[in-house]
Amino acid sequence: MSDARTPLVLLHGWGMTPRVWDDLAARLDARFRLVTPALPGHRGRPLPHASTLDSWADSLAPDLPDGAFLCGWSLGAMLAIKLAVRHPQKVRRLVLTGATPRFVAADDWPHGLDAATVEAFVRGFAEAPAVTLRRFLSLQVQGESHRKVVQASLAAALARTADADGAADAALAEGLRVLVETDLRADLPQLRQPVLLIHGDGDALMPLQAAGWLAQALPDARLEPCRNSGHAPFLSDPAAFADQLLAFADV
């Protein structure tokens, strides 16, 4: 029997797994047919040859239904933008949370993390992955009013397990490189699908100003800031996030 529910693809962020969506997915399952793939290099999903965000989008697209709603978080939001541009038949509408077109600050991009900080983070992951991931989680919950609850949910969804081997860490390091090197600003005029940006006002990784810039740069977008929320608004208040997504999807 075919499933008449509208497909909704949920794309997680770097260093995480689809488990991060569990609470939100439980609230949306009655209205959507949920598709929750792992990102390339995460939980055994192979990395494409010459790993770039373009190749990630091309490798993932065949596994996705046509005409889906895409909800992407952090690196998953960047990937969602690439999918919408390179494979528009796959994407009806986009919800982007914790999103930015560029992770690292530059002379012409003040809304990112300082390059020296990012370089130190990359070195830290190469030398001590577990310690660096814990630091990454602490950054994600800065500005968060439900800090302990959100941090526990993030920790439960980490892609790196206690028995991770060198190959798994190398794959995550490659994903981190993709995050650091990606700049989507030139892609944005090509994105024609409606976009809803849901962004924590206390996000320390992807500042709210980055989402505001996206809302202005995209042809059809609006921004909904989340008060007292950090980098993962769908964990801060999953009920409110689900309501916003459903209203935008109109299903």
Foldseek 3Di string as FASTA:
>chain_A
DDDPAAEEEEEEAFQFALLLCVVLCVVCVVRHDYDYHYFDLFPPRHADPPHALLVSLVVCVVVADFAHEYEYAQVRLCSVLSNCLPPVRRHQEYEYELDFLAAEADPVRHQHHDPVVLVVLLVCCVVPVVVSVLVVLVLQFFLAPPRVQSSVSRVVGGRDDPPDDPSSSVSSSVVSVNRNPGGCLVRQASRDHAYEYEYECRARRGHPVRVVVSQVSHPHYDYDYDHSHYRCVCRRDVVVVSVVVCVVVVD
